[in-house]
PDB file of N, CA and C in Angstrom:
ATOM      1  N   MET A   1    -275.334  58.936  64.863  1.00  0.00           N
ATOM      2  CA  MET A   1    -274.259  58.650  63.932  1.00  0.00           C
ATOM      3  C   MET A   1    -273.120  59.610  64.221  1.00  0.00           C
ATOM      4  N   GLU A   2    -271.935  59.061  64.471  1.00  0.00           N
ATOM      5  CA  GLU A   2    -270.803  59.903  64.810  1.00  0.00           C
ATOM      6  C   GLU A   2    -270.012  60.327  63.587  1.00  0.00           C
ATOM      7  N   SER A   3    -269.491  59.386  62.855  1.00  0.00           N
ATOM      8  CA  SER A   3    -268.703  59.742  61.680  1.00  0.00           C
ATOM      9  C   SER A   3    -268.750  58.613  60.668  1.00  0.00           C
ATOM     10  N   LEU A   4    -268.550  58.975  59.412  1.00  0.00           N
ATOM     11  CA  LEU A   4    -268.553  57.993  58.339  1.00  0.00           C
ATOM     12  C   LEU A   4    -267.389  58.290  57.424  1.00  0.00           C
ATOM     13  N   ASP A   5    -266.520  57.317  57.248  1.00  0.00           N
ATOM     14  CA  ASP A   5    -265.403  57.444  56.322  1.00  0.00           C
ATOM     15  C   ASP A   5    -265.923  56.998  54.959  1.00  0.00           C
ATOM     16  N   SER A   6    -266.130  57.952  54.051  1.00  0.00           N
ATOM     17  CA  SER A   6    -266.770  57.647  52.775  1.00  0.00           C
ATOM     18  C   SER A   6    -265.889  56.845  51.829  1.00  0.00           C
ATOM     19  N   THR A   7    -264.592  56.773  52.106  1.00  0.00           N
ATOM     20  CA  THR A   7    -263.736  56.012  51.203  1.00  0.00           C
ATOM     21  C   THR A   7    -263.782  54.519  51.499  1.00  0.00           C
ATOM     22  N   THR A   8    -263.855  54.150  52.753  1.00  0.00           N
ATOM     23  CA  THR A   8    -263.879  52.732  53.107  1.00  0.00           C
ATOM     24  C   THR A   8    -265.236  52.295  53.643  1.00  0.00           C
ATOM     25  N   TYR A   9    -266.154  53.214  53.786  1.00  0.00           N
ATOM     26  CA  TYR A   9    -267.500  52.925  54.276  1.00  0.00           C
ATOM     27  C   TYR A   9    -267.496  52.239  55.631  1.00  0.00           C
ATOM     28  N   LYS A  10    -266.604  52.656  56.492  1.00  0.00           N
ATOM     29  CA  LYS A  10    -266.584  52.095  57.835  1.00  0.00           C
ATOM     30  C   LYS A  10    -267.332  53.049  58.756  1.00  0.00           C
ATOM     31  N   VAL A  11    -268.250  52.526  59.480  1.00  0.00           N
ATOM     32  CA  VAL A  11    -269.001  53.323  60.434  1.00  0.00           C
ATOM     33  C   VAL A  11    -268.330  53.157  61.790  1.00  0.00           C
ATOM     34  N   TYR A  12    -267.954  54.261  62.398  1.00  0.00           N
ATOM     35  CA  TYR A  12    -267.228  54.216  63.654  1.00  0.00           C
ATOM     36  C   TYR A  12    -268.135  54.333  64.864  1.00  0.00           C
ATOM     37  N   SER A  13    -269.429  54.448  64.657  1.00  0.00           N
ATOM     38  CA  SER A  13    -270.370  54.574  65.751  1.00  0.00           C
ATOM     39  C   SER A  13    -270.786  53.196  66.248  1.00  0.00           C
ATOM     40  N   LYS A  14    -270.835  53.017  67.559  1.00  0.00           N
ATOM     41  CA  LYS A  14    -271.288  51.753  68.136  1.00  0.00           C
ATOM     42  C   LYS A  14    -272.805  51.726  68.263  1.00  0.00           C
ATOM     43  N   THR A  15    -273.425  52.906  68.367  1.00  0.00           N
ATOM     44  CA  THR A  15    -274.870  52.970  68.500  1.00  0.00           C
ATOM     45  C   THR A  15    -275.450  53.910  67.452  1.00  0.00           C
ATOM     46  N   MET A  16    -276.664  53.592  67.033  1.00  0.00           N
ATOM     47  CA  MET A  16    -277.342  54.407  66.038  1.00  0.00           C
ATOM     48  C   MET A  16    -278.834  54.102  66.154  1.00  0.00           C
ATOM     49  N   SER A  17    -279.656  55.129  66.023  1.00  0.00           N
ATOM     50  CA  SER A  17    -281.093  54.889  66.055  1.00  0.00           C
ATOM     51  C   SER A  17    -281.542  54.345  64.702  1.00  0.00           C
ATOM     52  N   GLY A  18    -282.732  53.779  64.674  1.00  0.00           N
ATOM     53  CA  GLY A  18    -283.276  53.262  63.429  1.00  0.00           C
ATOM     54  C   GLY A  18    -283.454  54.357  62.394  1.00  0.00           C
ATOM     55  N   LYS A  19    -283.869  55.553  62.858  1.00  0.00           N
ATOM     56  CA  LYS A  19    -284.044  56.689  61.946  1.00  0.00           C
ATOM     57  C   LYS A  19    -282.725  57.065  61.292  1.00  0.00           C
ATOM     58  N   ASP A  20    -281.655  57.119  62.098  1.00  0.00           N
ATOM     59  CA  ASP A  20    -280.338  57.455  61.552  1.00  0.00           C
ATOM     60  C   ASP A  20    -279.835  56.380  60.597  1.00  0.00           C
ATOM     61  N   CYS A  21    -280.151  55.139  60.890  1.00  0.00           N
ATOM     62  CA  CYS A  21    -279.742  54.042  60.021  1.00  0.00           C
ATOM     63  C   CYS A  21    -280.450  54.145  58.669  1.00  0.00           C
ATOM     64  N   VAL A  22    -281.730  54.486  58.671  1.00  0.00           N
ATOM     65  CA  VAL A  22    -282.469  54.666  57.418  1.00  0.00           C
ATOM     66  C   VAL A  22    -281.867  55.815  56.614  1.00  0.00           C
ATOM     67  N   LYS A  23    -281.516  56.918  57.289  1.00  0.00           N
ATOM     68  CA  LYS A  23    -280.891  58.062  56.609  1.00  0.00           C
ATOM     69  C   LYS A  23    -279.562  57.660  55.980  1.00  0.00           C
ATOM     70  N   LEU A  24    -278.762  56.889  56.720  1.00  0.00           N
ATOM     71  CA  LEU A  24    -277.467  56.443  56.222  1.00  0.00           C
ATOM     72  C   LEU A  24    -277.635  55.561  54.989  1.00  0.00           C
ATOM     73  N   LEU A  25    -278.587  54.639  55.049  1.00  0.00           N
ATOM     74  CA  LEU A  25    -278.818  53.759  53.908  1.00  0.00           C
ATOM     75  C   LEU A  25    -279.310  54.545  52.695  1.00  0.00           C
ATOM     76  N   LYS A  26    -280.162  55.547  52.923  1.00  0.00           N
ATOM     77  CA  LYS A  26    -280.653  56.379  51.812  1.00  0.00           C
ATOM     78  C   LYS A  26    -279.506  57.123  51.143  1.00  0.00           C
ATOM     79  N   LYS A  27    -278.517  57.574  51.923  1.00  0.00           N
ATOM     80  CA  LYS A  27    -277.354  58.265  51.361  1.00  0.00           C
ATOM     81  C   LYS A  27    -276.564  57.363  50.421  1.00  0.00           C
ATOM     82  N   HIS A  28    -276.651  56.064  50.652  1.00  0.00           N
ATOM     83  CA  HIS A  28    -275.886  55.109  49.857  1.00  0.00           C
ATOM     84  C   HIS A  28    -276.745  54.395  48.819  1.00  0.00           C
ATOM     85  N   GLY A  29    -277.870  55.015  48.447  1.00  0.00           N
ATOM     86  CA  GLY A  29    -278.652  54.516  47.324  1.00  0.00           C
ATOM     87  C   GLY A  29    -279.782  53.563  47.649  1.00  0.00           C
ATOM     88  N   TRP A  30    -280.016  53.267  48.916  1.00  0.00           N
ATOM     89  CA  TRP A  30    -281.126  52.400  49.301  1.00  0.00           C
ATOM     90  C   TRP A  30    -282.412  53.216  49.312  1.00  0.00           C
ATOM     91  N   THR A  31    -283.524  52.583  48.998  1.00  0.00           N
ATOM     92  CA  THR A  31    -284.826  53.252  49.036  1.00  0.00           C
ATOM     93  C   THR A  31    -285.756  52.494  49.969  1.00  0.00           C
ATOM     94  N   VAL A  32    -286.742  53.219  50.508  1.00  0.00           N
ATOM     95  CA  VAL A  32    -287.735  52.584  51.369  1.00  0.00           C
ATOM     96  C   VAL A  32    -288.769  51.927  50.464  1.00  0.00           C
ATOM     97  N   SER A  33    -288.801  50.613  50.482  1.00  0.00           N
ATOM     98  CA  SER A  33    -289.735  49.856  49.669  1.00  0.00           C
ATOM     99  C   SER A  33    -291.135  49.915  50.264  1.00  0.00           C
ATOM    100  N   ARG A  34    -291.214  49.687  51.577  1.00  0.00           N
ATOM    101  CA  ARG A  34    -292.494  49.743  52.275  1.00  0.00           C
ATOM    102  C   ARG A  34    -292.239  49.887  53.769  1.00  0.00           C
ATOM    103  N   ILE A  35    -293.287  50.260  54.478  1.00  0.00           N
ATOM    104  CA  ILE A  35    -293.232  50.365  55.932  1.00  0.00           C
ATOM    105  C   ILE A  35    -294.389  49.544  56.474  1.00  0.00           C
ATOM    106  N   ARG A  36    -294.064  48.611  57.342  1.00  0.00           N
ATOM    107  CA  ARG A  36    -295.110  47.809  57.961  1.00  0.00           C
ATOM    108  C   ARG A  36    -294.884  47.843  59.463  1.00  0.00           C
ATOM    109  N   GLY A  37    -295.769  48.529  60.144  1.00  0.00           N
ATOM    110  CA  GLY A  37    -295.595  48.695  61.588  1.00  0.00           C
ATOM    111  C   GLY A  37    -294.391  49.575  61.859  1.00  0.00           C
ATOM    112  N   SER A  38    -293.445  49.043  62.623  1.00  0.00           N
ATOM    113  CA  SER A  38    -292.259  49.826  62.964  1.00  0.00           C
ATOM    114  C   SER A  38    -291.042  49.408  62.147  1.00  0.00           C
ATOM    115  N   HIS A  39    -291.237  48.627  61.093  1.00  0.00           N
ATOM    116  CA  HIS A  39    -290.115  48.174  60.283  1.00  0.00           C
ATOM    117  C   HIS A  39    -290.146  48.823  58.906  1.00  0.00           C
ATOM    118  N   HIS A  40    -289.048  49.497  58.571  1.00  0.00           N
ATOM    119  CA  HIS A  40    -288.877  50.076  57.245  1.00  0.00           C
ATOM    120  C   HIS A  40    -288.096  49.059  56.425  1.00  0.00           C
ATOM    121  N   VAL A  41    -288.626  48.686  55.284  1.00  0.00           N
ATOM    122  CA  VAL A  41    -287.964  47.702  54.434  1.00  0.00           C
ATOM    123  C   VAL A  41    -287.223  48.458  53.339  1.00  0.00           C
ATOM    124  N   MET A  42    -285.892  48.354  53.366  1.00  0.00           N
ATOM    125  CA  MET A  42    -285.029  49.054  52.429  1.00  0.00           C
ATOM    126  C   MET A  42    -284.698  48.136  51.268  1.00  0.00           C
ATOM    127  N   LEU A  43    -284.615  48.710  50.057  1.00  0.00           N
ATOM    128  CA  LEU A  43    -284.407  47.924  48.847  1.00  0.00           C
ATOM    129  C   LEU A  43    -283.336  48.570  47.979  1.00  0.00           C
ATOM    130  N   LYS A  44    -282.434  47.715  47.450  1.00  0.00           N
ATOM    131  CA  LYS A  44    -281.423  48.176  46.499  1.00  0.00           C
ATOM    132  C   LYS A  44    -280.945  46.975  45.697  1.00  0.00           C
ATOM    133  N   ASP A  45    -281.053  47.063  44.393  1.00  0.00           N
ATOM    134  CA  ASP A  45    -280.577  46.012  43.488  1.00  0.00           C
ATOM    135  C   ASP A  45    -281.113  44.624  43.863  1.00  0.00           C
ATOM    136  N   GLY A  46    -282.359  44.547  44.261  1.00  0.00           N
ATOM    137  CA  GLY A  46    -282.978  43.269  44.595  1.00  0.00           C
ATOM    138  C   GLY A  46    -282.684  42.766  45.993  1.00  0.00           C
ATOM    139  N   CYS A  47    -281.825  43.442  46.729  1.00  0.00           N
ATOM    140  CA  CYS A  47    -281.499  43.058  48.100  1.00  0.00           C
ATOM    141  C   CYS A  47    -282.432  43.807  49.060  1.00  0.00           C
ATOM    142  N   VAL A  48    -282.954  43.096  50.039  1.00  0.00           N
ATOM    143  CA  VAL A  48    -283.921  43.672  50.968  1.00  0.00           C
ATOM    144  C   VAL A  48    -283.350  43.641  52.384  1.00  0.00           C
ATOM    145  N   ILE A  49    -283.454  44.781  53.092  1.00  0.00           N
ATOM    146  CA  ILE A  49    -283.000  44.855  54.481  1.00  0.00           C
ATOM    147  C   ILE A  49    -284.109  45.489  55.320  1.00  0.00           C
ATOM    148  N   PRO A  50    -284.638  44.767  56.315  1.00  0.00           N
ATOM    149  CA  PRO A  50    -285.605  45.381  57.227  1.00  0.00           C
ATOM    150  C   PRO A  50    -284.867  46.155  58.326  1.00  0.00           C
ATOM    151  N   VAL A  51    -285.334  47.366  58.603  1.00  0.00           N
ATOM    152  CA  VAL A  51    -284.732  48.195  59.643  1.00  0.00           C
ATOM    153  C   VAL A  51    -285.809  48.549  60.664  1.00  0.00           C
ATOM    154  N   PRO A  52    -285.672  48.112  61.921  1.00  0.00           N
ATOM    155  CA  PRO A  52    -286.654  48.476  62.935  1.00  0.00           C
ATOM    156  C   PRO A  52    -286.474  49.934  63.351  1.00  0.00           C
ATOM    157  N   VAL A  53    -287.552  50.692  63.321  1.00  0.00           N
ATOM    158  CA  VAL A  53    -287.504  52.105  63.706  1.00  0.00           C
ATOM    159  C   VAL A  53    -288.484  52.298  64.866  1.00  0.00           C
ATOM    160  N   HIS A  54    -287.942  52.443  66.058  1.00  0.00           N
ATOM    161  CA  HIS A  54    -288.757  52.636  67.249  1.00  0.00           C
ATOM    162  C   HIS A  54    -288.431  54.005  67.841  1.00  0.00           C
ATOM    163  N   GLY A  55    -288.931  55.043  67.212  1.00  0.00           N
ATOM    164  CA  GLY A  55    -288.655  56.404  67.673  1.00  0.00           C
ATOM    165  C   GLY A  55    -287.177  56.708  67.576  1.00  0.00           C
ATOM    166  N   ASN A  56    -286.633  57.264  68.652  1.00  0.00           N
ATOM    167  CA  ASN A  56    -285.203  57.593  68.684  1.00  0.00           C
ATOM    168  C   ASN A  56    -284.399  56.568  69.464  1.00  0.00           C
ATOM    169  N   ALA A  57    -284.974  55.393  69.712  1.00  0.00           N
ATOM    170  CA  ALA A  57    -284.272  54.351  70.458  1.00  0.00           C
ATOM    171  C   ALA A  57    -283.142  53.779  69.603  1.00  0.00           C
ATOM    172  N   ASP A  58    -282.007  53.527  70.240  1.00  0.00           N
ATOM    173  CA  ASP A  58    -280.863  52.955  69.540  1.00  0.00           C
ATOM    174  C   ASP A  58    -281.131  51.505  69.176  1.00  0.00           C
ATOM    175  N   LEU A  59    -280.590  51.102  68.041  1.00  0.00           N
ATOM    176  CA  LEU A  59    -280.652  49.705  67.636  1.00  0.00           C
ATOM    177  C   LEU A  59    -279.691  48.901  68.502  1.00  0.00           C
ATOM    178  N   MET A  60    -280.002  47.649  68.697  1.00  0.00           N
ATOM    179  CA  MET A  60    -279.093  46.778  69.423  1.00  0.00           C
ATOM    180  C   MET A  60    -277.818  46.624  68.588  1.00  0.00           C
ATOM    181  N   PRO A  61    -276.660  46.519  69.230  1.00  0.00           N
ATOM    182  CA  PRO A  61    -275.396  46.448  68.477  1.00  0.00           C
ATOM    183  C   PRO A  61    -275.355  45.334  67.434  1.00  0.00           C
ATOM    184  N   GLY A  62    -275.873  44.162  67.743  1.00  0.00           N
ATOM    185  CA  GLY A  62    -275.871  43.056  66.792  1.00  0.00           C
ATOM    186  C   GLY A  62    -276.767  43.332  65.598  1.00  0.00           C
ATOM    187  N   THR A  63    -277.910  43.970  65.845  1.00  0.00           N
ATOM    188  CA  THR A  63    -278.835  44.320  64.772  1.00  0.00           C
ATOM    189  C   THR A  63    -278.203  45.350  63.857  1.00  0.00           C
ATOM    190  N   LEU A  64    -277.584  46.367  64.441  1.00  0.00           N
ATOM    191  CA  LEU A  64    -276.917  47.406  63.649  1.00  0.00           C
ATOM    192  C   LEU A  64    -275.788  46.792  62.815  1.00  0.00           C
ATOM    193  N   HIS A  65    -274.990  45.933  63.426  1.00  0.00           N
ATOM    194  CA  HIS A  65    -273.880  45.287  62.718  1.00  0.00           C
ATOM    195  C   HIS A  65    -274.407  44.479  61.530  1.00  0.00           C
ATOM    196  N   SER A  66    -275.485  43.737  61.749  1.00  0.00           N
ATOM    197  CA  SER A  66    -276.066  42.907  60.692  1.00  0.00           C
ATOM    198  C   SER A  66    -276.585  43.752  59.531  1.00  0.00           C
ATOM    199  N   ILE A  67    -277.267  44.850  59.850  1.00  0.00           N
ATOM    200  CA  ILE A  67    -277.807  45.729  58.814  1.00  0.00           C
ATOM    201  C   ILE A  67    -276.678  46.331  57.988  1.00  0.00           C
ATOM    202  N   LEU A  68    -275.661  46.853  58.651  1.00  0.00           N
ATOM    203  CA  LEU A  68    -274.545  47.489  57.945  1.00  0.00           C
ATOM    204  C   LEU A  68    -273.751  46.475  57.130  1.00  0.00           C
ATOM    205  N   LYS A  69    -273.630  45.257  57.632  1.00  0.00           N
ATOM    206  CA  LYS A  69    -272.910  44.217  56.905  1.00  0.00           C
ATOM    207  C   LYS A  69    -273.667  43.824  55.636  1.00  0.00           C
ATOM    208  N   LYS A  70    -275.003  43.663  55.745  1.00  0.00           N
ATOM    209  CA  LYS A  70    -275.814  43.317  54.576  1.00  0.00           C
ATOM    210  C   LYS A  70    -275.781  44.433  53.539  1.00  0.00           C
ATOM    211  N   ALA A  71    -275.679  45.686  54.013  1.00  0.00           N
ATOM    212  CA  ALA A  71    -275.671  46.835  53.107  1.00  0.00           C
ATOM    213  C   ALA A  71    -274.285  47.065  52.501  1.00  0.00           C
ATOM    214  N   GLY A  72    -273.283  46.371  52.993  1.00  0.00           N
ATOM    215  CA  GLY A  72    -271.926  46.533  52.474  1.00  0.00           C
ATOM    216  C   GLY A  72    -271.224  47.753  53.028  1.00  0.00           C
ATOM    217  N   LEU A  73    -271.668  48.211  54.188  1.00  0.00           N
ATOM    218  CA  LEU A  73    -271.062  49.398  54.804  1.00  0.00           C
ATOM    219  C   LEU A  73    -270.129  49.037  55.941  1.00  0.00           C
ATOM    220  N   LYS A  74    -269.952  47.775  56.194  1.00  0.00           N
ATOM    221  CA  LYS A  74    -269.065  47.364  57.287  1.00  0.00           C
ATOM    222  C   LYS A  74    -268.308  46.134  56.894  1.00  0.00           C
TER     223      LYS A  74
END
């Protein structure tokens, strides 16, 4: 994670690991509902987002974009 503008919630990083994505979501009020295999299921206000966590491997750009869009951070 490179930088986060907290006023507009725009993430300027093109790549992010699953671990960093979970940390970012936790900062914005998401909680880990459950972990099944390598997927952490994040929950907030009835909305569910699965986040694949494969060590320190970066998420694919489309996957990261989708997660951040569903979370309202992009």
